[in-house]
Amino acid sequence: MTQGHTISTHAENVTVEVRLDGDVVAESERPILLEETGLPTAYYLPKSDLVAEARPIELSTHCPFKGDASYWTIDAGGRTHDAIAWSYEQPKEGAEEIEGHVAFFADRAEITVDGTPI
């Protein structure tokens, strides 16, 4: 890891709800929070807590700290939300806890934690 750059993950006992155009697409009481230097907290939800169908797309990016990210598209609110969420199918050491989880872009989705918008 780059000097001064840290990643930490932990389970949190909170309820995270994700809405797209007003439609609930995910709700979880078992999120994994990922804290990374210089970035806001990311809430990773188990894929089994998705209410809407998420379709993988042919887009990937690489993070030197977490690994290769896959992206997901969801239809909600009468629209297609391309690459609205991402996951790390084989995360690097130090981020293993987010395997099997998906996170949403907070600037494109309505995310609440225990009813409070993030």
PDB file of N, CA and C in Angstrom:
ATOM      1  N   MET A   1       0.838  -1.173   0.000  1.00  0.00           N
ATOM      2  CA  MET A   1       0.000   0.000   0.000  1.00  0.00           C
ATOM      3  C   MET A   1       0.889   1.243   0.000  1.00  0.00           C
ATOM      4  N   THR A   2       0.436   2.290  -0.625  1.00  0.00           N
ATOM      5  CA  THR A   2       1.172   3.529  -0.657  1.00  0.00           C
ATOM      6  C   THR A   2       1.293   4.075   0.767  1.00  0.00           C
ATOM      7  N   GLN A   3       2.448   4.622   1.074  1.00  0.00           N
ATOM      8  CA  GLN A   3       2.649   5.158   2.409  1.00  0.00           C
ATOM      9  C   GLN A   3       1.577   6.190   2.723  1.00  0.00           C
ATOM     10  N   GLY A   4       0.930   6.043   3.876  1.00  0.00           N
ATOM     11  CA  GLY A   4      -0.118   6.961   4.283  1.00  0.00           C
ATOM     12  C   GLY A   4      -1.500   6.588   3.777  1.00  0.00           C
ATOM     13  N   HIS A   5      -1.593   5.644   2.850  1.00  0.00           N
ATOM     14  CA  HIS A   5      -2.891   5.225   2.326  1.00  0.00           C
ATOM     15  C   HIS A   5      -3.360   3.999   3.101  1.00  0.00           C
ATOM     16  N   THR A   6      -4.559   4.071   3.642  1.00  0.00           N
ATOM     17  CA  THR A   6      -5.083   2.939   4.404  1.00  0.00           C
ATOM     18  C   THR A   6      -6.469   2.562   3.932  1.00  0.00           C
ATOM     19  N   ILE A   7      -6.791   1.298   4.134  1.00  0.00           N
ATOM     20  CA  ILE A   7      -8.129   0.761   3.897  1.00  0.00           C
ATOM     21  C   ILE A   7      -8.491  -0.048   5.133  1.00  0.00           C
ATOM     22  N   SER A   8      -9.699   0.124   5.600  1.00  0.00           N
ATOM     23  CA  SER A   8     -10.188  -0.728   6.675  1.00  0.00           C
ATOM     24  C   SER A   8     -11.647  -1.063   6.404  1.00  0.00           C
ATOM     25  N   THR A   9     -12.040  -2.248   6.813  1.00  0.00           N
ATOM     26  CA  THR A   9     -13.423  -2.682   6.642  1.00  0.00           C
ATOM     27  C   THR A   9     -13.941  -3.189   7.975  1.00  0.00           C
ATOM     28  N   HIS A  10     -15.240  -3.000   8.182  1.00  0.00           N
ATOM     29  CA  HIS A  10     -15.875  -3.565   9.365  1.00  0.00           C
ATOM     30  C   HIS A  10     -17.383  -3.652   9.149  1.00  0.00           C
ATOM     31  N   ALA A  11     -17.974  -4.645   9.780  1.00  0.00           N
ATOM     32  CA  ALA A  11     -19.432  -4.779   9.752  1.00  0.00           C
ATOM     33  C   ALA A  11     -20.009  -3.725  10.689  1.00  0.00           C
ATOM     34  N   GLU A  12     -21.181  -3.249  10.354  1.00  0.00           N
ATOM     35  CA  GLU A  12     -21.828  -2.228  11.175  1.00  0.00           C
ATOM     36  C   GLU A  12     -23.288  -2.620  11.364  1.00  0.00           C
ATOM     37  N   ASN A  13     -23.814  -2.398  12.545  1.00  0.00           N
ATOM     38  CA  ASN A  13     -25.201  -2.739  12.860  1.00  0.00           C
ATOM     39  C   ASN A  13     -26.104  -1.543  12.554  1.00  0.00           C
ATOM     40  N   VAL A  14     -26.294  -1.276  11.260  1.00  0.00           N
ATOM     41  CA  VAL A  14     -27.150  -0.192  10.791  1.00  0.00           C
ATOM     42  C   VAL A  14     -27.985  -0.710   9.626  1.00  0.00           C
ATOM     43  N   THR A  15     -29.034   0.022   9.296  1.00  0.00           N
ATOM     44  CA  THR A  15     -29.844  -0.311   8.129  1.00  0.00           C
ATOM     45  C   THR A  15     -29.516   0.663   7.006  1.00  0.00           C
ATOM     46  N   VAL A  16     -29.093   0.108   5.873  1.00  0.00           N
ATOM     47  CA  VAL A  16     -28.772   0.914   4.699  1.00  0.00           C
ATOM     48  C   VAL A  16     -29.833   0.642   3.643  1.00  0.00           C
ATOM     49  N   GLU A  17     -30.416   1.714   3.127  1.00  0.00           N
ATOM     50  CA  GLU A  17     -31.413   1.599   2.062  1.00  0.00           C
ATOM     51  C   GLU A  17     -30.925   2.393   0.867  1.00  0.00           C
ATOM     52  N   VAL A  18     -31.098   1.801  -0.320  1.00  0.00           N
ATOM     53  CA  VAL A  18     -30.693   2.463  -1.566  1.00  0.00           C
ATOM     54  C   VAL A  18     -31.921   2.585  -2.449  1.00  0.00           C
ATOM     55  N   ARG A  19     -32.155   3.809  -2.921  1.00  0.00           N
ATOM     56  CA  ARG A  19     -33.266   4.084  -3.837  1.00  0.00           C
ATOM     57  C   ARG A  19     -32.710   4.698  -5.119  1.00  0.00           C
ATOM     58  N   LEU A  20     -33.366   4.345  -6.224  1.00  0.00           N
ATOM     59  CA  LEU A  20     -33.088   4.961  -7.519  1.00  0.00           C
ATOM     60  C   LEU A  20     -34.408   5.494  -8.039  1.00  0.00           C
ATOM     61  N   ASP A  21     -34.469   6.777  -8.288  1.00  0.00           N
ATOM     62  CA  ASP A  21     -35.708   7.426  -8.734  1.00  0.00           C
ATOM     63  C   ASP A  21     -36.885   7.052  -7.844  1.00  0.00           C
ATOM     64  N   GLY A  22     -36.637   6.946  -6.548  1.00  0.00           N
ATOM     65  CA  GLY A  22     -37.693   6.657  -5.580  1.00  0.00           C
ATOM     66  C   GLY A  22     -37.960   5.182  -5.332  1.00  0.00           C
ATOM     67  N   ASP A  23     -37.465   4.300  -6.197  1.00  0.00           N
ATOM     68  CA  ASP A  23     -37.670   2.859  -6.020  1.00  0.00           C
ATOM     69  C   ASP A  23     -36.575   2.271  -5.136  1.00  0.00           C
ATOM     70  N   VAL A  24     -36.986   1.483  -4.130  1.00  0.00           N
ATOM     71  CA  VAL A  24     -36.000   0.786  -3.300  1.00  0.00           C
ATOM     72  C   VAL A  24     -35.372  -0.323  -4.140  1.00  0.00           C
ATOM     73  N   VAL A  25     -34.046  -0.308  -4.245  1.00  0.00           N
ATOM     74  CA  VAL A  25     -33.336  -1.333  -5.017  1.00  0.00           C
ATOM     75  C   VAL A  25     -32.470  -2.222  -4.129  1.00  0.00           C
ATOM     76  N   ALA A  26     -32.214  -1.765  -2.892  1.00  0.00           N
ATOM     77  CA  ALA A  26     -31.429  -2.571  -1.951  1.00  0.00           C
ATOM     78  C   ALA A  26     -31.735  -2.106  -0.535  1.00  0.00           C
ATOM     79  N   GLU A  27     -31.753  -3.073   0.375  1.00  0.00           N
ATOM     80  CA  GLU A  27     -31.920  -2.752   1.788  1.00  0.00           C
ATOM     81  C   GLU A  27     -31.199  -3.823   2.585  1.00  0.00           C
ATOM     82  N   SER A  28     -30.341  -3.371   3.496  1.00  0.00           N
ATOM     83  CA  SER A  28     -29.530  -4.325   4.242  1.00  0.00           C
ATOM     84  C   SER A  28     -29.349  -3.890   5.686  1.00  0.00           C
ATOM     85  N   GLU A  29     -29.351  -4.875   6.563  1.00  0.00           N
ATOM     86  CA  GLU A  29     -29.021  -4.648   7.969  1.00  0.00           C
ATOM     87  C   GLU A  29     -27.654  -5.245   8.281  1.00  0.00           C
ATOM     88  N   ARG A  30     -26.916  -5.619   7.224  1.00  0.00           N
ATOM     89  CA  ARG A  30     -25.595  -6.221   7.419  1.00  0.00           C
ATOM     90  C   ARG A  30     -24.566  -5.687   6.428  1.00  0.00           C
ATOM     91  N   PRO A  31     -24.430  -4.352   6.392  1.00  0.00           N
ATOM     92  CA  PRO A  31     -23.446  -3.769   5.482  1.00  0.00           C
ATOM     93  C   PRO A  31     -22.017  -3.929   6.010  1.00  0.00           C
ATOM     94  N   ILE A  32     -21.095  -3.869   5.081  1.00  0.00           N
ATOM     95  CA  ILE A  32     -19.678  -3.766   5.405  1.00  0.00           C
ATOM     96  C   ILE A  32     -19.269  -2.341   5.023  1.00  0.00           C
ATOM     97  N   LEU A  33     -18.703  -1.621   5.959  1.00  0.00           N
ATOM     98  CA  LEU A  33     -18.243  -0.261   5.687  1.00  0.00           C
ATOM     99  C   LEU A  33     -16.768  -0.310   5.324  1.00  0.00           C
ATOM    100  N   LEU A  34     -16.428   0.384   4.251  1.00  0.00           N
ATOM    101  CA  LEU A  34     -15.045   0.462   3.826  1.00  0.00           C
ATOM    102  C   LEU A  34     -14.586   1.908   3.975  1.00  0.00           C
ATOM    103  N   GLU A  35     -13.570   2.086   4.793  1.00  0.00           N
ATOM    104  CA  GLU A  35     -12.968   3.403   5.006  1.00  0.00           C
ATOM    105  C   GLU A  35     -11.650   3.412   4.246  1.00  0.00           C
ATOM    106  N   GLU A  36     -11.476   4.422   3.396  1.00  0.00           N
ATOM    107  CA  GLU A  36     -10.255   4.524   2.598  1.00  0.00           C
ATOM    108  C   GLU A  36      -9.762   5.958   2.623  1.00  0.00           C
ATOM    109  N   THR A  37      -8.476   6.111   2.793  1.00  0.00           N
ATOM    110  CA  THR A  37      -7.866   7.432   2.857  1.00  0.00           C
ATOM    111  C   THR A  37      -8.347   8.310   1.703  1.00  0.00           C
ATOM    112  N   GLY A  38      -8.856   9.494   2.043  1.00  0.00           N
ATOM    113  CA  GLY A  38      -9.235  10.483   1.043  1.00  0.00           C
ATOM    114  C   GLY A  38     -10.593  10.274   0.394  1.00  0.00           C
ATOM    115  N   LEU A  39     -11.315   9.228   0.796  1.00  0.00           N
ATOM    116  CA  LEU A  39     -12.620   8.944   0.183  1.00  0.00           C
ATOM    117  C   LEU A  39     -13.694   8.847   1.256  1.00  0.00           C
ATOM    118  N   PRO A  40     -14.951   9.163   0.882  1.00  0.00           N
ATOM    119  CA  PRO A  40     -16.032   8.975   1.856  1.00  0.00           C
ATOM    120  C   PRO A  40     -16.247   7.481   2.128  1.00  0.00           C
ATOM    121  N   THR A  41     -16.853   7.182   3.256  1.00  0.00           N
ATOM    122  CA  THR A  41     -17.171   5.800   3.598  1.00  0.00           C
ATOM    123  C   THR A  41     -18.024   5.188   2.499  1.00  0.00           C
ATOM    124  N   ALA A  42     -17.665   3.971   2.095  1.00  0.00           N
ATOM    125  CA  ALA A  42     -18.455   3.221   1.109  1.00  0.00           C
ATOM    126  C   ALA A  42     -19.208   2.123   1.859  1.00  0.00           C
ATOM    127  N   TYR A  43     -20.489   1.982   1.562  1.00  0.00           N
ATOM    128  CA  TYR A  43     -21.343   0.986   2.191  1.00  0.00           C
ATOM    129  C   TYR A  43     -21.522  -0.174   1.217  1.00  0.00           C
ATOM    130  N   TYR A  44     -20.942  -1.298   1.544  1.00  0.00           N
ATOM    131  CA  TYR A  44     -21.033  -2.493   0.711  1.00  0.00           C
ATOM    132  C   TYR A  44     -22.131  -3.389   1.269  1.00  0.00           C
ATOM    133  N   LEU A  45     -23.106  -3.713   0.418  1.00  0.00           N
ATOM    134  CA  LEU A  45     -24.249  -4.520   0.830  1.00  0.00           C
ATOM    135  C   LEU A  45     -24.134  -5.914   0.227  1.00  0.00           C
ATOM    136  N   PRO A  46     -24.537  -6.945   0.978  1.00  0.00           N
ATOM    137  CA  PRO A  46     -24.534  -8.286   0.388  1.00  0.00           C
ATOM    138  C   PRO A  46     -25.405  -8.300  -0.867  1.00  0.00           C
ATOM    139  N   LYS A  47     -24.927  -8.953  -1.908  1.00  0.00           N
ATOM    140  CA  LYS A  47     -25.704  -9.015  -3.156  1.00  0.00           C
ATOM    141  C   LYS A  47     -27.084  -9.613  -2.915  1.00  0.00           C
ATOM    142  N   SER A  48     -27.199 -10.491  -1.930  1.00  0.00           N
ATOM    143  CA  SER A  48     -28.501 -11.105  -1.630  1.00  0.00           C
ATOM    144  C   SER A  48     -29.497 -10.096  -1.062  1.00  0.00           C
ATOM    145  N   ASP A  49     -29.038  -8.904  -0.660  1.00  0.00           N
ATOM    146  CA  ASP A  49     -29.932  -7.867  -0.147  1.00  0.00           C
ATOM    147  C   ASP A  49     -30.395  -6.891  -1.218  1.00  0.00           C
ATOM    148  N   LEU A  50     -30.041  -7.156  -2.472  1.00  0.00           N
ATOM    149  CA  LEU A  50     -30.571  -6.348  -3.575  1.00  0.00           C
ATOM    150  C   LEU A  50     -32.019  -6.745  -3.803  1.00  0.00           C
ATOM    151  N   VAL A  51     -32.883  -5.747  -3.944  1.00  0.00           N
ATOM    152  CA  VAL A  51     -34.297  -5.988  -4.225  1.00  0.00           C
ATOM    153  C   VAL A  51     -34.519  -6.000  -5.731  1.00  0.00           C
ATOM    154  N   ALA A  52     -33.761  -5.195  -6.445  1.00  0.00           N
ATOM    155  CA  ALA A  52     -33.853  -5.106  -7.904  1.00  0.00           C
ATOM    156  C   ALA A  52     -32.787  -5.998  -8.529  1.00  0.00           C
ATOM    157  N   GLU A  53     -33.049  -6.383  -9.766  1.00  0.00           N
ATOM    158  CA  GLU A  53     -32.063  -7.183 -10.493  1.00  0.00           C
ATOM    159  C   GLU A  53     -30.911  -6.290 -10.951  1.00  0.00           C
ATOM    160  N   ALA A  54     -29.712  -6.706 -10.615  1.00  0.00           N
ATOM    161  CA  ALA A  54     -28.509  -5.998 -11.067  1.00  0.00           C
ATOM    162  C   ALA A  54     -27.867  -6.816 -12.173  1.00  0.00           C
ATOM    163  N   ARG A  55     -27.596  -6.160 -13.303  1.00  0.00           N
ATOM    164  CA  ARG A  55     -26.983  -6.832 -14.438  1.00  0.00           C
ATOM    165  C   ARG A  55     -25.528  -6.406 -14.565  1.00  0.00           C
ATOM    166  N   PRO A  56     -24.622  -7.378 -14.650  1.00  0.00           N
ATOM    167  CA  PRO A  56     -23.218  -7.002 -14.854  1.00  0.00           C
ATOM    168  C   PRO A  56     -23.037  -6.427 -16.247  1.00  0.00           C
ATOM    169  N   ILE A  57     -22.124  -5.482 -16.382  1.00  0.00           N
ATOM    170  CA  ILE A  57     -21.819  -4.908 -17.684  1.00  0.00           C
ATOM    171  C   ILE A  57     -20.332  -5.103 -17.960  1.00  0.00           C
ATOM    172  N   GLU A  58     -19.952  -4.900 -19.197  1.00  0.00           N
ATOM    173  CA  GLU A  58     -18.555  -5.099 -19.591  1.00  0.00           C
ATOM    174  C   GLU A  58     -17.748  -3.837 -19.335  1.00  0.00           C
ATOM    175  N   LEU A  59     -17.610  -3.518 -18.071  1.00  0.00           N
ATOM    176  CA  LEU A  59     -16.801  -2.394 -17.648  1.00  0.00           C
ATOM    177  C   LEU A  59     -16.062  -2.847 -16.399  1.00  0.00           C
ATOM    178  N   SER A  60     -14.790  -2.564 -16.357  1.00  0.00           N
ATOM    179  CA  SER A  60     -14.029  -2.860 -15.151  1.00  0.00           C
ATOM    180  C   SER A  60     -12.952  -1.801 -14.978  1.00  0.00           C
ATOM    181  N   THR A  61     -12.563  -1.613 -13.743  1.00  0.00           N
ATOM    182  CA  THR A  61     -11.471  -0.705 -13.424  1.00  0.00           C
ATOM    183  C   THR A  61     -10.569  -1.407 -12.423  1.00  0.00           C
ATOM    184  N   HIS A  62      -9.379  -0.871 -12.258  1.00  0.00           N
ATOM    185  CA  HIS A  62      -8.439  -1.478 -11.319  1.00  0.00           C
ATOM    186  C   HIS A  62      -8.077  -0.480 -10.226  1.00  0.00           C
ATOM    187  N   CYS A  63      -8.159  -0.929  -9.002  1.00  0.00           N
ATOM    188  CA  CYS A  63      -7.704  -0.158  -7.852  1.00  0.00           C
ATOM    189  C   CYS A  63      -6.490  -0.869  -7.279  1.00  0.00           C
ATOM    190  N   PRO A  64      -5.373  -0.186  -7.125  1.00  0.00           N
ATOM    191  CA  PRO A  64      -4.185  -0.859  -6.606  1.00  0.00           C
ATOM    192  C   PRO A  64      -4.346  -1.336  -5.164  1.00  0.00           C
ATOM    193  N   PHE A  65      -5.377  -0.875  -4.472  1.00  0.00           N
ATOM    194  CA  PHE A  65      -5.573  -1.220  -3.073  1.00  0.00           C
ATOM    195  C   PHE A  65      -6.666  -2.268  -2.855  1.00  0.00           C
ATOM    196  N   LYS A  66      -7.668  -2.294  -3.761  1.00  0.00           N
ATOM    197  CA  LYS A  66      -8.793  -3.224  -3.587  1.00  0.00           C
ATOM    198  C   LYS A  66      -8.851  -4.304  -4.664  1.00  0.00           C
ATOM    199  N   GLY A  67      -8.307  -4.050  -5.833  1.00  0.00           N
ATOM    200  CA  GLY A  67      -8.324  -5.032  -6.914  1.00  0.00           C
ATOM    201  C   GLY A  67      -9.129  -4.550  -8.106  1.00  0.00           C
ATOM    202  N   ASP A  68      -9.693  -5.500  -8.857  1.00  0.00           N
ATOM    203  CA  ASP A  68     -10.457  -5.194 -10.063  1.00  0.00           C
ATOM    204  C   ASP A  68     -11.944  -5.071  -9.734  1.00  0.00           C
ATOM    205  N   ALA A  69     -12.514  -3.938 -10.103  1.00  0.00           N
ATOM    206  CA  ALA A  69     -13.929  -3.673  -9.850  1.00  0.00           C
ATOM    207  C   ALA A  69     -14.765  -4.054 -11.067  1.00  0.00           C
ATOM    208  N   SER A  70     -15.906  -4.671 -10.810  1.00  0.00           N
ATOM    209  CA  SER A  70     -16.922  -4.969 -11.828  1.00  0.00           C
ATOM    210  C   SER A  70     -18.080  -4.006 -11.602  1.00  0.00           C
ATOM    211  N   TYR A  71     -18.793  -3.672 -12.663  1.00  0.00           N
ATOM    212  CA  TYR A  71     -19.876  -2.700 -12.557  1.00  0.00           C
ATOM    213  C   TYR A  71     -21.211  -3.327 -12.924  1.00  0.00           C
ATOM    214  N   TRP A  72     -22.272  -2.740 -12.358  1.00  0.00           N
ATOM    215  CA  TRP A  72     -23.624  -3.291 -12.456  1.00  0.00           C
ATOM    216  C   TRP A  72     -24.603  -2.206 -12.879  1.00  0.00           C
ATOM    217  N   THR A  73     -25.589  -2.599 -13.674  1.00  0.00           N
ATOM    218  CA  THR A  73     -26.652  -1.719 -14.142  1.00  0.00           C
ATOM    219  C   THR A  73     -27.969  -2.207 -13.554  1.00  0.00           C
ATOM    220  N   ILE A  74     -28.826  -1.260 -13.170  1.00  0.00           N
ATOM    221  CA  ILE A  74     -30.123  -1.591 -12.580  1.00  0.00           C
ATOM    222  C   ILE A  74     -31.191  -0.739 -13.246  1.00  0.00           C
ATOM    223  N   ASP A  75     -32.334  -1.351 -13.561  1.00  0.00           N
ATOM    224  CA  ASP A  75     -33.503  -0.621 -14.048  1.00  0.00           C
ATOM    225  C   ASP A  75     -34.365  -0.266 -12.847  1.00  0.00           C
ATOM    226  N   ALA A  76     -34.721   1.009 -12.718  1.00  0.00           N
ATOM    227  CA  ALA A  76     -35.586   1.459 -11.622  1.00  0.00           C
ATOM    228  C   ALA A  76     -36.182   2.809 -11.996  1.00  0.00           C
ATOM    229  N   GLY A  77     -37.375   3.066 -11.496  1.00  0.00           N
ATOM    230  CA  GLY A  77     -38.009   4.358 -11.747  1.00  0.00           C
ATOM    231  C   GLY A  77     -38.232   4.634 -13.214  1.00  0.00           C
ATOM    232  N   GLY A  78     -38.384   3.572 -14.008  1.00  0.00           N
ATOM    233  CA  GLY A  78     -38.620   3.735 -15.426  1.00  0.00           C
ATOM    234  C   GLY A  78     -37.376   4.086 -16.226  1.00  0.00           C
ATOM    235  N   ARG A  79     -36.190   4.008 -15.589  1.00  0.00           N
ATOM    236  CA  ARG A  79     -34.947   4.332 -16.283  1.00  0.00           C
ATOM    237  C   ARG A  79     -33.917   3.229 -16.062  1.00  0.00           C
ATOM    238  N   THR A  80     -32.949   3.202 -16.956  1.00  0.00           N
ATOM    239  CA  THR A  80     -31.806   2.303 -16.800  1.00  0.00           C
ATOM    240  C   THR A  80     -30.674   3.114 -16.174  1.00  0.00           C
ATOM    241  N   HIS A  81     -30.147   2.615 -15.062  1.00  0.00           N
ATOM    242  CA  HIS A  81     -29.060   3.277 -14.350  1.00  0.00           C
ATOM    243  C   HIS A  81     -27.781   2.494 -14.628  1.00  0.00           C
ATOM    244  N   ASP A  82     -27.084   2.917 -15.689  1.00  0.00           N
ATOM    245  CA  ASP A  82     -25.864   2.222 -16.109  1.00  0.00           C
ATOM    246  C   ASP A  82     -24.746   2.409 -15.092  1.00  0.00           C
ATOM    247  N   ALA A  83     -24.046   1.330 -14.826  1.00  0.00           N
ATOM    248  CA  ALA A  83     -22.870   1.357 -13.950  1.00  0.00           C
ATOM    249  C   ALA A  83     -23.151   2.109 -12.653  1.00  0.00           C
ATOM    250  N   ILE A  84     -24.288   1.855 -12.051  1.00  0.00           N
ATOM    251  CA  ILE A  84     -24.706   2.535 -10.825  1.00  0.00           C
ATOM    252  C   ILE A  84     -24.046   1.946  -9.584  1.00  0.00           C
ATOM    253  N   ALA A  85     -23.561   0.716  -9.719  1.00  0.00           N
ATOM    254  CA  ALA A  85     -22.977   0.024  -8.573  1.00  0.00           C
ATOM    255  C   ALA A  85     -21.727  -0.726  -9.009  1.00  0.00           C
ATOM    256  N   TRP A  86     -20.917  -1.083  -8.028  1.00  0.00           N
ATOM    257  CA  TRP A  86     -19.691  -1.833  -8.329  1.00  0.00           C
ATOM    258  C   TRP A  86     -19.452  -2.869  -7.243  1.00  0.00           C
ATOM    259  N   SER A  87     -18.604  -3.824  -7.595  1.00  0.00           N
ATOM    260  CA  SER A  87     -18.204  -4.851  -6.632  1.00  0.00           C
ATOM    261  C   SER A  87     -16.785  -5.308  -6.960  1.00  0.00           C
ATOM    262  N   TYR A  88     -16.168  -5.931  -5.986  1.00  0.00           N
ATOM    263  CA  TYR A  88     -14.854  -6.542  -6.158  1.00  0.00           C
ATOM    264  C   TYR A  88     -15.043  -8.036  -5.963  1.00  0.00           C
ATOM    265  N   GLU A  89     -15.015  -8.777  -7.062  1.00  0.00           N
ATOM    266  CA  GLU A  89     -15.280 -10.216  -6.997  1.00  0.00           C
ATOM    267  C   GLU A  89     -14.133 -10.971  -6.329  1.00  0.00           C
ATOM    268  N   GLN A  90     -12.928 -10.475  -6.479  1.00  0.00           N
ATOM    269  CA  GLN A  90     -11.750 -11.083  -5.849  1.00  0.00           C
ATOM    270  C   GLN A  90     -10.890  -9.960  -5.263  1.00  0.00           C
ATOM    271  N   PRO A  91     -11.342  -9.378  -4.154  1.00  0.00           N
ATOM    272  CA  PRO A  91     -10.606  -8.244  -3.601  1.00  0.00           C
ATOM    273  C   PRO A  91      -9.223  -8.640  -3.092  1.00  0.00           C
ATOM    274  N   LYS A  92      -8.361  -7.649  -3.069  1.00  0.00           N
ATOM    275  CA  LYS A  92      -6.996  -7.854  -2.587  1.00  0.00           C
ATOM    276  C   LYS A  92      -6.988  -8.038  -1.066  1.00  0.00           C
ATOM    277  N   GLU A  93      -5.854  -8.508  -0.584  1.00  0.00           N
ATOM    278  CA  GLU A  93      -5.666  -8.675   0.853  1.00  0.00           C
ATOM    279  C   GLU A  93      -5.917  -7.344   1.559  1.00  0.00           C
ATOM    280  N   GLY A  94      -6.673  -7.410   2.622  1.00  0.00           N
ATOM    281  CA  GLY A  94      -7.034  -6.217   3.365  1.00  0.00           C
ATOM    282  C   GLY A  94      -8.434  -5.733   3.048  1.00  0.00           C
ATOM    283  N   ALA A  95      -8.992  -6.213   1.926  1.00  0.00           N
ATOM    284  CA  ALA A  95     -10.354  -5.826   1.537  1.00  0.00           C
ATOM    285  C   ALA A  95     -11.248  -7.056   1.349  1.00  0.00           C
ATOM    286  N   GLU A  96     -10.800  -8.205   1.834  1.00  0.00           N
ATOM    287  CA  GLU A  96     -11.531  -9.462   1.598  1.00  0.00           C
ATOM    288  C   GLU A  96     -12.978  -9.428   2.091  1.00  0.00           C
ATOM    289  N   GLU A  97     -13.246  -8.619   3.089  1.00  0.00           N
ATOM    290  CA  GLU A  97     -14.582  -8.583   3.687  1.00  0.00           C
ATOM    291  C   GLU A  97     -15.658  -8.088   2.720  1.00  0.00           C
ATOM    292  N   ILE A  98     -15.275  -7.374   1.653  1.00  0.00           N
ATOM    293  CA  ILE A  98     -16.277  -6.850   0.711  1.00  0.00           C
ATOM    294  C   ILE A  98     -16.600  -7.833  -0.415  1.00  0.00           C
ATOM    295  N   GLU A  99     -15.934  -8.983  -0.444  1.00  0.00           N
ATOM    296  CA  GLU A  99     -16.247  -9.992  -1.464  1.00  0.00           C
ATOM    297  C   GLU A  99     -17.715 -10.400  -1.332  1.00  0.00           C
ATOM    298  N   GLY A 100     -18.419 -10.493  -2.466  1.00  0.00           N
ATOM    299  CA  GLY A 100     -19.833 -10.858  -2.459  1.00  0.00           C
ATOM    300  C   GLY A 100     -20.757  -9.709  -2.113  1.00  0.00           C
ATOM    301  N   HIS A 101     -20.208  -8.496  -2.094  1.00  0.00           N
ATOM    302  CA  HIS A 101     -20.980  -7.301  -1.752  1.00  0.00           C
ATOM    303  C   HIS A 101     -20.945  -6.304  -2.914  1.00  0.00           C
ATOM    304  N   VAL A 102     -21.880  -5.380  -2.888  1.00  0.00           N
ATOM    305  CA  VAL A 102     -21.977  -4.359  -3.926  1.00  0.00           C
ATOM    306  C   VAL A 102     -22.157  -2.997  -3.256  1.00  0.00           C
ATOM    307  N   ALA A 103     -21.551  -1.976  -3.851  1.00  0.00           N
ATOM    308  CA  ALA A 103     -21.679  -0.602  -3.355  1.00  0.00           C
ATOM    309  C   ALA A 103     -22.264   0.269  -4.461  1.00  0.00           C
ATOM    310  N   PHE A 104     -22.909   1.356  -4.048  1.00  0.00           N
ATOM    311  CA  PHE A 104     -23.569   2.259  -4.993  1.00  0.00           C
ATOM    312  C   PHE A 104     -22.905   3.630  -4.970  1.00  0.00           C
ATOM    313  N   PHE A 105     -22.943   4.312  -6.102  1.00  0.00           N
ATOM    314  CA  PHE A 105     -22.421   5.662  -6.186  1.00  0.00           C
ATOM    315  C   PHE A 105     -23.359   6.600  -5.427  1.00  0.00           C
ATOM    316  N   ALA A 106     -22.862   7.183  -4.346  1.00  0.00           N
ATOM    317  CA  ALA A 106     -23.693   8.034  -3.492  1.00  0.00           C
ATOM    318  C   ALA A 106     -24.159   9.304  -4.197  1.00  0.00           C
ATOM    319  N   ASP A 107     -23.440   9.745  -5.217  1.00  0.00           N
ATOM    320  CA  ASP A 107     -23.856  10.945  -5.937  1.00  0.00           C
ATOM    321  C   ASP A 107     -24.900  10.654  -7.016  1.00  0.00           C
ATOM    322  N   ARG A 108     -25.212   9.364  -7.233  1.00  0.00           N
ATOM    323  CA  ARG A 108     -26.197   8.989  -8.259  1.00  0.00           C
ATOM    324  C   ARG A 108     -27.363   8.204  -7.692  1.00  0.00           C
ATOM    325  N   ALA A 109     -27.253   7.746  -6.453  1.00  0.00           N
ATOM    326  CA  ALA A 109     -28.311   6.977  -5.803  1.00  0.00           C
ATOM    327  C   ALA A 109     -28.689   7.692  -4.514  1.00  0.00           C
ATOM    328  N   GLU A 110     -29.894   7.420  -4.030  1.00  0.00           N
ATOM    329  CA  GLU A 110     -30.344   7.970  -2.755  1.00  0.00           C
ATOM    330  C   GLU A 110     -30.047   6.917  -1.695  1.00  0.00           C
ATOM    331  N   ILE A 111     -29.041   7.151  -0.870  1.00  0.00           N
ATOM    332  CA  ILE A 111     -28.618   6.182   0.134  1.00  0.00           C
ATOM    333  C   ILE A 111     -28.896   6.761   1.511  1.00  0.00           C
ATOM    334  N   THR A 112     -29.568   5.965   2.358  1.00  0.00           N
ATOM    335  CA  THR A 112     -29.791   6.367   3.734  1.00  0.00           C
ATOM    336  C   THR A 112     -29.208   5.322   4.675  1.00  0.00           C
ATOM    337  N   VAL A 113     -28.740   5.804   5.812  1.00  0.00           N
ATOM    338  CA  VAL A 113     -28.233   4.935   6.874  1.00  0.00           C
ATOM    339  C   VAL A 113     -29.079   5.228   8.099  1.00  0.00           C
ATOM    340  N   ASP A 114     -29.832   4.222   8.533  1.00  0.00           N
ATOM    341  CA  ASP A 114     -30.786   4.398   9.632  1.00  0.00           C
ATOM    342  C   ASP A 114     -31.692   5.609   9.388  1.00  0.00           C
ATOM    343  N   GLY A 115     -32.103   5.782   8.127  1.00  0.00           N
ATOM    344  CA  GLY A 115     -33.042   6.838   7.757  1.00  0.00           C
ATOM    345  C   GLY A 115     -32.413   8.195   7.454  1.00  0.00           C
ATOM    346  N   THR A 116     -31.103   8.331   7.667  1.00  0.00           N
ATOM    347  CA  THR A 116     -30.426   9.605   7.426  1.00  0.00           C
ATOM    348  C   THR A 116     -29.683   9.541   6.094  1.00  0.00           C
ATOM    349  N   PRO A 117     -29.940  10.507   5.193  1.00  0.00           N
ATOM    350  CA  PRO A 117     -29.230  10.500   3.902  1.00  0.00           C
ATOM    351  C   PRO A 117     -27.717  10.680   4.110  1.00  0.00           C
ATOM    352  N   ILE A 118     -26.964   9.991   3.244  1.00  0.00           N
ATOM    353  CA  ILE A 118     -25.507  10.208   3.301  1.00  0.00           C
ATOM    354  C   ILE A 118     -25.099  11.133   2.165  1.00  0.00           C
TER     355      ILE A 118
END
